[in-house]
Amino acid sequence: MGVVAWHDNSHFVKEPIRKWELERRSHLNRLIRGLEIDCFEQLRVSKSVFFKLCRNLQEGDGLVRTRNVPITQAMVMFLHIVAHNLEYRVVHLDYYRSKETISSQFNNVLRDVMKVSEDYLKFHTYNLEGLEAIKWSWFENCVVALDGTHIPVLVFLEDRPKYRNRKSNVSTNVLAACGPDLRFIYVLSGWERSVGDSQELFNFDHASARNAVERSFGILKEKRWNILRTPSSFDIKTQIRIINACFVLHNLIRDEKQID
């Protein structure tokens, strides 16, 4: 048996690295240069939004190409992970990259998304007309809605009591303010327990105005970033940063008028 095993191993033919590179490029091009629907379903952004995001993160001292990984591939891997809450070992098979490389590139993109967060999470004036003006007319000098939402997180066993909400689920609370255009202008994540209950934080008399932030939460969690729906395997600090990054990406997508 030992001789047979030695014979099999000695005649095992490894795939050439060149083939891996070709398949890696083919997979990348299929997502960002192929059909629009493939890009949207896998990365949750349109191709135009994808390239706009790459350009924006390169400005200044932002995201740079490493020796072996182009910016487009780093961005694709990042979006693929947050869109579907994928483990590195799954992405490793799709992109022919080591888990260490994927981790490094993911954190590079995450860092640079956070760098531009102030550019996208900020207040701006609104010129409301028609029904939108009526919805917000009850709130003099106020054109934003404030609400909280719970995001499931994974924490150490000893920390779970701090993050257990009133439904006995382990989550972090996110407080966010949203305008009539469904863009977020303020995000505070990382709260423990259920302190973010909407009735405690802000009491709206008119559900029509509050509907804006609820719709934005729905797009963010249900339609776009699956990593916000189920706990991920990252440490809690990284999970909080990912949550904030998803809000930034949401606003960039809204700026590009992508239809959800």
Protein backbone atom coordinates (compact mmCIF):
# COMPACT_ATOMS: atom_id res chain seq x y z
CA MET A 1 0.00 0.00 0.00
CA GLY A 2 2.84 2.35 0.85
CA VAL A 3 4.47 1.73 -2.53
CA VAL A 4 1.20 2.43 -4.35
CA ALA A 5 0.68 5.68 -2.43
CA TRP A 6 4.22 6.77 -3.26
CA HIS A 7 3.68 5.98 -6.91
CA ASP A 8 0.43 8.00 -7.07
CA ASN A 9 1.93 11.04 -5.36
CA SER A 10 5.05 11.00 -7.46
CA HIS A 11 3.00 11.11 -10.65
CA PHE A 12 0.58 13.82 -9.50
CA VAL A 13 0.58 16.59 -12.10
CA LYS A 14 0.28 20.08 -10.67
CA GLU A 15 -1.67 22.66 -12.62
CA PRO A 16 0.65 25.33 -14.02
CA ILE A 17 0.49 28.74 -12.36
CA ARG A 18 -0.16 30.29 -15.76
CA LYS A 19 -3.46 28.41 -15.97
CA TRP A 20 -4.51 29.75 -12.58
CA GLU A 21 -3.76 33.28 -13.73
CA LEU A 22 -5.83 32.87 -16.89
CA GLU A 23 -8.78 31.47 -14.97
CA ARG A 24 -8.45 34.26 -12.40
CA ARG A 25 -8.57 36.91 -15.12
CA SER A 26 -11.44 35.15 -16.86
CA HIS A 27 -13.50 35.12 -13.67
CA LEU A 28 -12.76 38.79 -12.99
CA ASN A 29 -13.64 39.88 -16.53
CA ARG A 30 -16.84 37.87 -16.46
CA LEU A 31 -17.99 39.86 -13.42
CA ILE A 32 -16.96 43.41 -14.30
CA ARG A 33 -16.82 43.37 -18.10
CA GLY A 34 -19.44 40.78 -18.92
CA LEU A 35 -23.21 40.89 -18.48
CA GLU A 36 -24.59 43.63 -16.23
CA ILE A 37 -26.80 41.13 -14.41
CA ASP A 38 -23.80 38.98 -13.44
CA CYS A 39 -22.01 41.95 -11.89
CA PHE A 40 -25.13 43.05 -10.03
CA GLU A 41 -26.07 39.62 -8.69
CA GLN A 42 -22.58 38.77 -7.49
CA LEU A 43 -21.32 42.17 -6.31
CA ARG A 44 -24.65 43.99 -5.73
CA VAL A 45 -23.49 46.98 -7.75
CA SER A 46 -23.71 47.91 -11.42
CA LYS A 47 -20.57 47.97 -13.53
CA SER A 48 -20.57 51.76 -13.66
CA VAL A 49 -20.83 51.98 -9.87
CA PHE A 50 -18.04 49.42 -9.51
CA PHE A 51 -15.58 51.42 -11.61
CA LYS A 52 -16.64 54.68 -9.95
CA LEU A 53 -15.89 53.13 -6.56
CA CYS A 54 -12.47 51.97 -7.75
CA ARG A 55 -11.64 55.47 -9.02
CA ASN A 56 -12.83 57.18 -5.85
CA LEU A 57 -10.77 54.95 -3.59
CA GLN A 58 -7.64 55.56 -5.65
CA GLU A 59 -7.76 59.33 -5.25
CA GLY A 60 -5.24 60.95 -2.95
CA ASP A 61 -3.42 58.45 -0.76
CA GLY A 62 -6.08 55.81 -1.25
CA LEU A 63 -6.15 52.29 -2.58
CA VAL A 64 -3.11 51.24 -4.61
CA ARG A 65 -2.33 48.21 -6.70
CA THR A 66 -0.05 45.67 -5.08
CA ARG A 67 2.57 43.75 -7.00
CA ASN A 68 0.28 40.82 -7.77
CA VAL A 69 -3.28 42.02 -7.13
CA PRO A 70 -4.90 44.73 -9.28
CA ILE A 71 -7.28 47.18 -7.63
CA THR A 72 -10.24 45.81 -9.55
CA GLN A 73 -9.68 42.32 -8.18
CA ALA A 74 -9.23 43.57 -4.62
CA MET A 75 -12.51 45.46 -4.95
CA VAL A 76 -14.33 42.49 -6.46
CA MET A 77 -13.24 40.21 -3.63
CA PHE A 78 -14.29 42.78 -1.03
CA LEU A 79 -17.74 43.32 -2.55
CA HIS A 80 -18.25 39.59 -3.08
CA ILE A 81 -17.58 38.93 0.60
CA VAL A 82 -19.87 41.65 2.00
CA ALA A 83 -22.60 40.98 -0.56
CA HIS A 84 -22.90 37.30 0.36
CA ASN A 85 -21.11 37.04 3.73
CA LEU A 86 -18.54 34.64 2.30
CA GLU A 87 -15.66 33.04 4.15
CA TYR A 88 -12.13 33.53 2.87
CA ARG A 89 -11.91 29.81 2.11
CA VAL A 90 -14.84 30.14 -0.32
CA VAL A 91 -13.41 33.20 -2.07
CA HIS A 92 -10.07 31.41 -2.24
CA LEU A 93 -11.56 28.87 -4.65
CA ASP A 94 -13.17 31.50 -6.86
CA TYR A 95 -10.15 33.77 -7.26
CA TYR A 96 -7.19 31.41 -6.92
CA ARG A 97 -5.74 33.50 -4.10
CA SER A 98 -4.43 32.40 -0.73
CA LYS A 99 -6.58 33.18 2.30
CA GLU A 100 -3.77 35.42 3.56
CA THR A 101 -3.82 37.47 0.36
CA ILE A 102 -7.61 37.74 0.43
CA SER A 103 -7.54 38.86 4.06
CA SER A 104 -4.88 41.48 3.34
CA GLN A 105 -6.74 42.86 0.31
CA PHE A 106 -10.09 42.86 2.10
CA ASN A 107 -8.70 44.91 4.97
CA ASN A 108 -6.96 47.30 2.57
CA VAL A 109 -10.24 48.04 0.80
CA LEU A 110 -12.13 48.30 4.09
CA ARG A 111 -9.59 50.79 5.40
CA ASP A 112 -9.88 52.96 2.31
CA VAL A 113 -13.68 52.88 2.28
CA MET A 114 -13.56 54.17 5.85
CA LYS A 115 -11.15 56.93 4.76
CA VAL A 116 -13.77 58.40 2.43
CA SER A 117 -16.70 57.90 4.82
CA GLU A 118 -16.91 61.59 5.73
CA ASP A 119 -17.27 62.46 2.05
CA TYR A 120 -20.38 60.32 1.73
CA LEU A 121 -21.98 60.45 5.18
CA LYS A 122 -22.76 64.14 5.45
CA PHE A 123 -25.74 66.47 5.50
CA HIS A 124 -26.83 68.40 2.44
CA THR A 125 -29.81 70.57 1.62
CA TYR A 126 -32.97 69.16 0.08
CA ASN A 127 -35.35 70.85 -2.32
CA LEU A 128 -38.56 68.96 -1.71
CA GLU A 129 -41.53 69.16 -4.02
CA GLY A 130 -44.96 67.58 -4.30
CA LEU A 131 -45.68 64.60 -2.05
CA GLU A 132 -42.21 64.60 -0.51
CA ALA A 133 -42.70 68.19 0.65
CA ILE A 134 -46.03 67.23 2.23
CA LYS A 135 -44.51 64.24 4.05
CA TRP A 136 -41.87 66.40 5.71
CA SER A 137 -43.95 69.54 6.24
CA TRP A 138 -44.84 68.47 9.80
CA PHE A 139 -41.20 68.74 10.86
CA GLU A 140 -40.23 72.38 10.73
CA ASN A 141 -36.55 72.86 9.83
CA CYS A 142 -36.08 69.10 9.91
CA VAL A 143 -35.64 66.95 6.82
CA VAL A 144 -34.03 63.79 8.21
CA ALA A 145 -35.46 60.72 9.91
CA LEU A 146 -33.69 58.99 12.80
CA ASP A 147 -34.04 55.30 13.62
CA GLY A 148 -32.15 52.27 14.87
CA THR A 149 -31.65 48.77 13.54
CA HIS A 150 -30.05 45.63 14.92
CA ILE A 151 -27.21 43.91 13.05
CA PRO A 152 -26.32 40.32 14.11
CA VAL A 153 -22.73 39.98 15.30
CA LEU A 154 -20.42 37.24 16.49
CA VAL A 155 -18.67 37.91 19.80
CA PHE A 156 -16.81 35.92 22.43
CA LEU A 157 -18.97 33.92 24.82
CA GLU A 158 -18.16 36.18 27.77
CA ASP A 159 -19.24 39.26 25.78
CA ARG A 160 -22.59 37.92 24.62
CA PRO A 161 -24.63 39.28 27.57
CA LYS A 162 -23.56 42.82 26.60
CA TYR A 163 -24.81 42.36 23.04
CA ARG A 164 -27.97 40.36 23.72
CA ASN A 165 -31.06 42.32 22.68
CA ARG A 166 -34.64 42.05 23.92
CA LYS A 167 -35.31 39.19 21.51
CA SER A 168 -32.37 37.30 23.07
CA ASN A 169 -30.36 37.60 19.85
CA VAL A 170 -26.74 38.74 19.86
CA SER A 171 -26.52 41.96 17.87
CA THR A 172 -25.12 45.46 17.77
CA ASN A 173 -27.41 48.44 17.46
CA VAL A 174 -26.95 50.97 14.70
CA LEU A 175 -28.41 54.46 14.97
CA ALA A 176 -28.76 56.22 11.63
CA ALA A 177 -30.26 59.39 10.19
CA CYS A 178 -31.61 59.35 6.65
CA GLY A 179 -32.89 62.02 4.27
CA PRO A 180 -35.79 61.93 1.80
CA ASP A 181 -33.42 60.73 -0.94
CA LEU A 182 -32.76 57.53 1.07
CA ARG A 183 -29.13 58.53 1.69
CA PHE A 184 -27.71 58.22 5.19
CA ILE A 185 -26.17 61.36 6.65
CA TYR A 186 -25.20 60.00 10.07
CA VAL A 187 -24.34 56.52 11.35
CA LEU A 188 -23.43 55.41 14.86
CA SER A 189 -22.78 51.68 15.15
CA GLY A 190 -21.46 49.47 17.91
CA TRP A 191 -24.11 50.10 20.56
CA GLU A 192 -24.78 47.22 22.94
CA ARG A 193 -28.12 45.74 24.07
CA SER A 194 -31.36 47.33 22.87
CA VAL A 195 -30.68 50.99 23.62
CA GLY A 196 -31.45 51.84 20.02
CA ASP A 197 -35.16 51.15 20.20
CA SER A 198 -36.80 53.63 17.86
CA GLN A 199 -39.44 54.63 20.39
CA GLU A 200 -36.77 55.54 22.94
CA LEU A 201 -34.50 57.36 20.53
CA PHE A 202 -36.98 59.39 18.57
CA ASN A 203 -40.77 59.55 18.61
CA PHE A 204 -42.28 60.19 15.18
CA ASP A 205 -45.92 61.17 14.99
CA HIS A 206 -46.08 60.56 11.27
CA ALA A 207 -45.01 57.20 9.86
CA SER A 208 -44.81 58.58 6.32
CA ALA A 209 -41.67 60.58 7.12
CA ARG A 210 -40.08 57.78 9.12
CA ASN A 211 -40.65 55.45 6.20
CA ALA A 212 -37.55 56.88 4.46
CA VAL A 213 -35.08 55.45 6.96
CA GLU A 214 -36.96 52.14 7.17
CA ARG A 215 -36.82 51.80 3.39
CA SER A 216 -33.09 52.54 3.43
CA PHE A 217 -32.50 49.92 6.12
CA GLY A 218 -34.46 47.46 4.00
CA ILE A 219 -32.36 48.13 0.91
CA LEU A 220 -29.14 47.98 2.93
CA LYS A 221 -29.85 44.71 4.74
CA GLU A 222 -32.34 42.77 2.65
CA LYS A 223 -31.44 43.65 -0.93
CA ARG A 224 -27.76 44.42 -0.88
CA TRP A 225 -25.34 43.35 1.86
CA ASN A 226 -26.01 39.89 3.24
CA ILE A 227 -23.17 40.34 5.71
CA LEU A 228 -25.56 42.61 7.67
CA ARG A 229 -28.18 39.86 7.96
CA THR A 230 -26.13 37.05 9.48
CA PRO A 231 -23.15 37.10 11.86
CA SER A 232 -19.75 37.07 10.19
CA SER A 233 -16.54 35.45 11.42
CA PHE A 234 -14.60 38.72 11.79
CA ASP A 235 -13.62 40.12 15.17
CA ILE A 236 -16.14 42.59 16.61
CA LYS A 237 -14.08 45.70 15.77
CA THR A 238 -13.84 44.65 12.14
CA GLN A 239 -17.55 43.79 12.09
CA ILE A 240 -18.37 47.33 13.23
CA ARG A 241 -16.14 48.81 10.54
CA ILE A 242 -17.79 46.61 7.91
CA ILE A 243 -21.21 47.86 9.02
CA ASN A 244 -20.08 51.47 8.60
CA ALA A 245 -18.51 50.68 5.22
CA CYS A 246 -21.81 49.23 3.98
CA PHE A 247 -23.54 52.53 4.76
CA VAL A 248 -20.86 54.40 2.81
CA LEU A 249 -21.28 52.07 -0.17
CA HIS A 250 -25.05 52.50 0.02
CA ASN A 251 -24.69 56.27 -0.38
CA LEU A 252 -22.26 55.99 -3.26
CA ILE A 253 -24.71 53.71 -5.04
CA ARG A 254 -27.56 56.16 -4.40
CA ASP A 255 -25.41 58.96 -5.83
CA GLU A 256 -25.01 56.97 -9.03
CA LYS A 257 -28.80 56.53 -9.31
CA GLN A 258 -28.59 52.73 -9.33
CA ILE A 259 -32.08 51.22 -9.23
CA ASP A 260 -32.52 48.59 -6.52
